Amino acid sequence: MATTHAEPNYMGVFWWLLALTIIEIAVIYMPIAKLIIVILLVGLALTKATLVALYFMHLKFERATLGWIAVTPLLLCLFLILMLSPDIHP
């Protein structure tokens, strides 16, 4: 027997994505250090990617196992970036 769930509020998600995009554009022009700008942009991009995955890919309504399968490549990518970063600036 299949379980049903309420229809996601796609327009609400759209407005959140639009607001995050506007914040990203504003962050680019802020007079702060480049490293902080990069960290803010990556954080905002991860937030937007999470919203898209949860609502448009319907991961919010799936089992936790499928969520872990989606998160694993992100963790591996983060691990590789951190392990290879000492080689970028010798």
N, C-alpha and C. Protein backbone atom coordinates (compact mmCIF):
# COMPACT_ATOMS: atom_id res chain seq x y z
N MET A 1 0.83 -1.16 0.00
CA MET A 1 0.00 0.00 0.00
C MET A 1 0.89 1.24 0.00
N ALA A 2 0.70 2.10 -0.95
CA ALA A 2 1.52 3.30 -1.09
C ALA A 2 1.03 4.38 -0.14
N THR A 3 1.98 5.08 0.45
CA THR A 3 1.62 6.20 1.30
C THR A 3 1.60 7.47 0.46
N THR A 4 0.68 8.33 0.79
CA THR A 4 0.59 9.60 0.05
C THR A 4 1.11 10.72 0.94
N HIS A 5 1.54 11.77 0.31
CA HIS A 5 2.03 12.94 1.03
C HIS A 5 1.44 14.18 0.40
N ALA A 6 1.45 15.24 1.14
CA ALA A 6 0.91 16.50 0.65
C ALA A 6 1.78 17.04 -0.49
N GLU A 7 1.14 17.71 -1.40
CA GLU A 7 1.85 18.34 -2.52
C GLU A 7 2.79 19.42 -1.98
N PRO A 8 4.07 19.40 -2.36
CA PRO A 8 5.00 20.43 -1.88
C PRO A 8 4.58 21.82 -2.38
N ASN A 9 4.93 22.81 -1.61
CA ASN A 9 4.64 24.19 -1.98
C ASN A 9 5.74 24.68 -2.92
N TYR A 10 5.57 24.39 -4.19
CA TYR A 10 6.61 24.73 -5.17
C TYR A 10 6.83 26.24 -5.29
N MET A 11 5.78 27.01 -5.17
CA MET A 11 5.95 28.47 -5.26
C MET A 11 6.71 29.00 -4.04
N GLY A 12 6.49 28.41 -2.89
CA GLY A 12 7.25 28.81 -1.71
C GLY A 12 8.73 28.51 -1.88
N VAL A 13 9.04 27.34 -2.43
CA VAL A 13 10.43 26.96 -2.69
C VAL A 13 11.02 27.90 -3.74
N PHE A 14 10.24 28.24 -4.75
CA PHE A 14 10.71 29.17 -5.78
C PHE A 14 11.10 30.52 -5.16
N TRP A 15 10.26 31.04 -4.26
CA TRP A 15 10.56 32.34 -3.65
C TRP A 15 11.80 32.26 -2.77
N TRP A 16 12.00 31.15 -2.06
CA TRP A 16 13.22 30.97 -1.28
C TRP A 16 14.45 30.93 -2.19
N LEU A 17 14.35 30.20 -3.30
CA LEU A 17 15.48 30.13 -4.23
C LEU A 17 15.78 31.50 -4.83
N LEU A 18 14.74 32.25 -5.15
CA LEU A 18 14.94 33.61 -5.68
C LEU A 18 15.62 34.50 -4.64
N ALA A 19 15.16 34.42 -3.40
CA ALA A 19 15.77 35.24 -2.34
C ALA A 19 17.24 34.87 -2.13
N LEU A 20 17.54 33.57 -2.15
CA LEU A 20 18.94 33.15 -1.99
C LEU A 20 19.80 33.61 -3.16
N THR A 21 19.25 33.62 -4.35
CA THR A 21 19.98 34.10 -5.52
C THR A 21 20.27 35.60 -5.40
N ILE A 22 19.29 36.35 -4.94
CA ILE A 22 19.51 37.79 -4.74
C ILE A 22 20.57 38.03 -3.68
N ILE A 23 20.56 37.22 -2.62
CA ILE A 23 21.59 37.35 -1.58
C ILE A 23 22.96 37.02 -2.14
N GLU A 24 23.03 36.00 -3.02
CA GLU A 24 24.32 35.67 -3.65
C GLU A 24 24.86 36.84 -4.46
N ILE A 25 24.00 37.48 -5.21
CA ILE A 25 24.44 38.62 -6.01
C ILE A 25 24.90 39.76 -5.10
N ALA A 26 24.18 39.97 -3.99
CA ALA A 26 24.58 41.02 -3.05
C ALA A 26 25.92 40.70 -2.39
N VAL A 27 26.17 39.43 -2.11
CA VAL A 27 27.42 39.03 -1.45
C VAL A 27 28.62 39.33 -2.35
N ILE A 28 28.45 39.18 -3.64
CA ILE A 28 29.56 39.42 -4.58
C ILE A 28 30.07 40.85 -4.48
N TYR A 29 29.16 41.79 -4.25
CA TYR A 29 29.54 43.20 -4.24
C TYR A 29 29.85 43.73 -2.84
N MET A 30 29.86 42.87 -1.83
CA MET A 30 30.17 43.32 -0.48
C MET A 30 31.66 43.59 -0.34
N PRO A 31 32.04 44.64 0.38
CA PRO A 31 33.47 44.95 0.55
C PRO A 31 34.09 44.14 1.70
N ILE A 32 34.17 42.83 1.50
CA ILE A 32 34.77 41.95 2.51
C ILE A 32 35.83 41.09 1.84
N ALA A 33 36.58 40.35 2.64
CA ALA A 33 37.67 39.53 2.12
C ALA A 33 37.13 38.46 1.15
N LYS A 34 37.94 38.16 0.16
CA LYS A 34 37.55 37.18 -0.87
C LYS A 34 37.23 35.82 -0.27
N LEU A 35 37.99 35.41 0.74
CA LEU A 35 37.76 34.11 1.35
C LEU A 35 36.38 34.04 1.99
N ILE A 36 35.96 35.10 2.64
CA ILE A 36 34.63 35.14 3.26
C ILE A 36 33.55 35.11 2.19
N ILE A 37 33.77 35.82 1.09
CA ILE A 37 32.82 35.81 -0.03
C ILE A 37 32.67 34.39 -0.56
N VAL A 38 33.78 33.70 -0.75
CA VAL A 38 33.74 32.32 -1.26
C VAL A 38 32.99 31.41 -0.30
N ILE A 39 33.27 31.54 0.99
CA ILE A 39 32.60 30.69 1.98
C ILE A 39 31.09 30.97 1.98
N LEU A 40 30.70 32.24 1.91
CA LEU A 40 29.28 32.58 1.87
C LEU A 40 28.61 32.04 0.61
N LEU A 41 29.28 32.18 -0.54
CA LEU A 41 28.70 31.70 -1.79
C LEU A 41 28.55 30.18 -1.80
N VAL A 42 29.53 29.48 -1.27
CA VAL A 42 29.44 28.02 -1.20
C VAL A 42 28.31 27.60 -0.27
N GLY A 43 28.19 28.28 0.86
CA GLY A 43 27.10 27.98 1.79
C GLY A 43 25.73 28.22 1.18
N LEU A 44 25.59 29.34 0.48
CA LEU A 44 24.32 29.64 -0.18
C LEU A 44 24.02 28.63 -1.29
N ALA A 45 25.04 28.24 -2.05
CA ALA A 45 24.84 27.26 -3.11
C ALA A 45 24.43 25.90 -2.53
N LEU A 46 25.03 25.50 -1.42
CA LEU A 46 24.64 24.24 -0.78
C LEU A 46 23.20 24.31 -0.26
N THR A 47 22.82 25.46 0.26
CA THR A 47 21.45 25.63 0.72
C THR A 47 20.47 25.50 -0.43
N LYS A 48 20.79 26.15 -1.55
CA LYS A 48 19.92 26.06 -2.72
C LYS A 48 19.87 24.63 -3.27
N ALA A 49 21.00 23.95 -3.30
CA ALA A 49 21.03 22.57 -3.79
C ALA A 49 20.21 21.66 -2.88
N THR A 50 20.26 21.92 -1.58
CA THR A 50 19.47 21.13 -0.64
C THR A 50 17.98 21.35 -0.87
N LEU A 51 17.56 22.59 -1.07
CA LEU A 51 16.16 22.86 -1.35
C LEU A 51 15.69 22.15 -2.62
N VAL A 52 16.49 22.22 -3.66
CA VAL A 52 16.12 21.56 -4.92
C VAL A 52 16.04 20.05 -4.73
N ALA A 53 17.00 19.48 -4.04
CA ALA A 53 17.00 18.03 -3.84
C ALA A 53 15.81 17.59 -2.98
N LEU A 54 15.52 18.34 -1.93
CA LEU A 54 14.43 17.95 -1.04
C LEU A 54 13.06 18.05 -1.70
N TYR A 55 12.82 19.12 -2.42
CA TYR A 55 11.48 19.35 -2.92
C TYR A 55 11.28 18.95 -4.38
N PHE A 56 12.21 19.27 -5.27
CA PHE A 56 12.01 18.96 -6.68
C PHE A 56 12.43 17.54 -7.02
N MET A 57 13.36 16.99 -6.25
CA MET A 57 13.75 15.59 -6.45
C MET A 57 13.02 14.69 -5.45
N HIS A 58 12.16 15.27 -4.63
CA HIS A 58 11.29 14.55 -3.69
C HIS A 58 12.05 13.72 -2.67
N LEU A 59 13.27 14.12 -2.32
CA LEU A 59 14.03 13.38 -1.31
C LEU A 59 13.45 13.58 0.09
N LYS A 60 12.69 14.64 0.29
CA LYS A 60 12.08 14.88 1.59
C LYS A 60 11.10 13.77 1.94
N PHE A 61 10.51 13.15 0.94
CA PHE A 61 9.49 12.15 1.17
C PHE A 61 10.01 10.72 1.04
N GLU A 62 11.31 10.57 0.86
CA GLU A 62 11.92 9.25 0.73
C GLU A 62 12.49 8.79 2.07
N ARG A 63 12.95 7.58 2.07
CA ARG A 63 13.60 7.06 3.27
C ARG A 63 14.94 7.75 3.49
N ALA A 64 15.43 7.65 4.70
CA ALA A 64 16.71 8.29 5.05
C ALA A 64 17.87 7.67 4.26
N THR A 65 17.75 6.40 3.91
CA THR A 65 18.82 5.72 3.17
C THR A 65 19.08 6.41 1.84
N LEU A 66 18.03 6.80 1.14
CA LEU A 66 18.20 7.48 -0.14
C LEU A 66 18.85 8.85 0.06
N GLY A 67 18.54 9.50 1.16
CA GLY A 67 19.18 10.78 1.47
C GLY A 67 20.68 10.61 1.70
N TRP A 68 21.07 9.55 2.40
CA TRP A 68 22.49 9.28 2.62
C TRP A 68 23.20 8.98 1.31
N ILE A 69 22.51 8.32 0.41
CA ILE A 69 23.11 8.04 -0.91
C ILE A 69 23.34 9.35 -1.65
N ALA A 70 22.48 10.32 -1.48
CA ALA A 70 22.65 11.62 -2.14
C ALA A 70 23.73 12.46 -1.47
N VAL A 71 23.92 12.31 -0.16
CA VAL A 71 24.89 13.13 0.58
C VAL A 71 26.31 12.58 0.46
N THR A 72 26.46 11.29 0.25
CA THR A 72 27.78 10.66 0.21
C THR A 72 28.73 11.30 -0.81
N PRO A 73 28.32 11.55 -2.06
CA PRO A 73 29.25 12.21 -3.00
C PRO A 73 29.69 13.60 -2.54
N LEU A 74 28.80 14.33 -1.87
CA LEU A 74 29.16 15.64 -1.35
C LEU A 74 30.26 15.51 -0.30
N LEU A 75 30.13 14.54 0.58
CA LEU A 75 31.16 14.33 1.61
C LEU A 75 32.48 13.89 1.00
N LEU A 76 32.43 13.03 -0.01
CA LEU A 76 33.65 12.61 -0.69
C LEU A 76 34.32 13.78 -1.40
N CYS A 77 33.53 14.63 -2.02
CA CYS A 77 34.09 15.81 -2.70
C CYS A 77 34.75 16.75 -1.70
N LEU A 78 34.09 16.98 -0.58
CA LEU A 78 34.66 17.82 0.46
C LEU A 78 35.97 17.24 0.99
N PHE A 79 36.00 15.94 1.20
CA PHE A 79 37.21 15.26 1.66
C PHE A 79 38.35 15.43 0.66
N LEU A 80 38.07 15.24 -0.63
CA LEU A 80 39.10 15.38 -1.65
C LEU A 80 39.62 16.81 -1.74
N ILE A 81 38.73 17.78 -1.63
CA ILE A 81 39.16 19.18 -1.69
C ILE A 81 40.07 19.50 -0.52
N LEU A 82 39.70 19.07 0.67
CA LEU A 82 40.51 19.36 1.85
C LEU A 82 41.84 18.62 1.81
N MET A 83 41.87 17.42 1.26
CA MET A 83 43.11 16.66 1.21
C MET A 83 44.07 17.17 0.12
N LEU A 84 43.51 17.73 -0.95
CA LEU A 84 44.34 18.20 -2.05
C LEU A 84 44.70 19.69 -1.92
N SER A 85 44.06 20.42 -1.04
CA SER A 85 44.33 21.85 -0.93
C SER A 85 45.77 22.19 -0.54
N PRO A 86 46.48 21.37 0.26
CA PRO A 86 47.89 21.72 0.52
C PRO A 86 48.76 21.69 -0.75
N ASP A 87 48.35 20.93 -1.75
CA ASP A 87 49.12 20.87 -2.98
C ASP A 87 48.89 22.08 -3.88
N ILE A 88 47.82 22.81 -3.64
CA ILE A 88 47.52 23.97 -4.49
C ILE A 88 48.47 25.11 -4.21
N HIS A 89 48.76 25.36 -2.94
CA HIS A 89 49.64 26.46 -2.53
C HIS A 89 50.83 25.88 -1.78
N PRO A 90 51.89 25.52 -2.51
CA PRO A 90 53.06 24.91 -1.84
C PRO A 90 53.85 25.91 -1.01
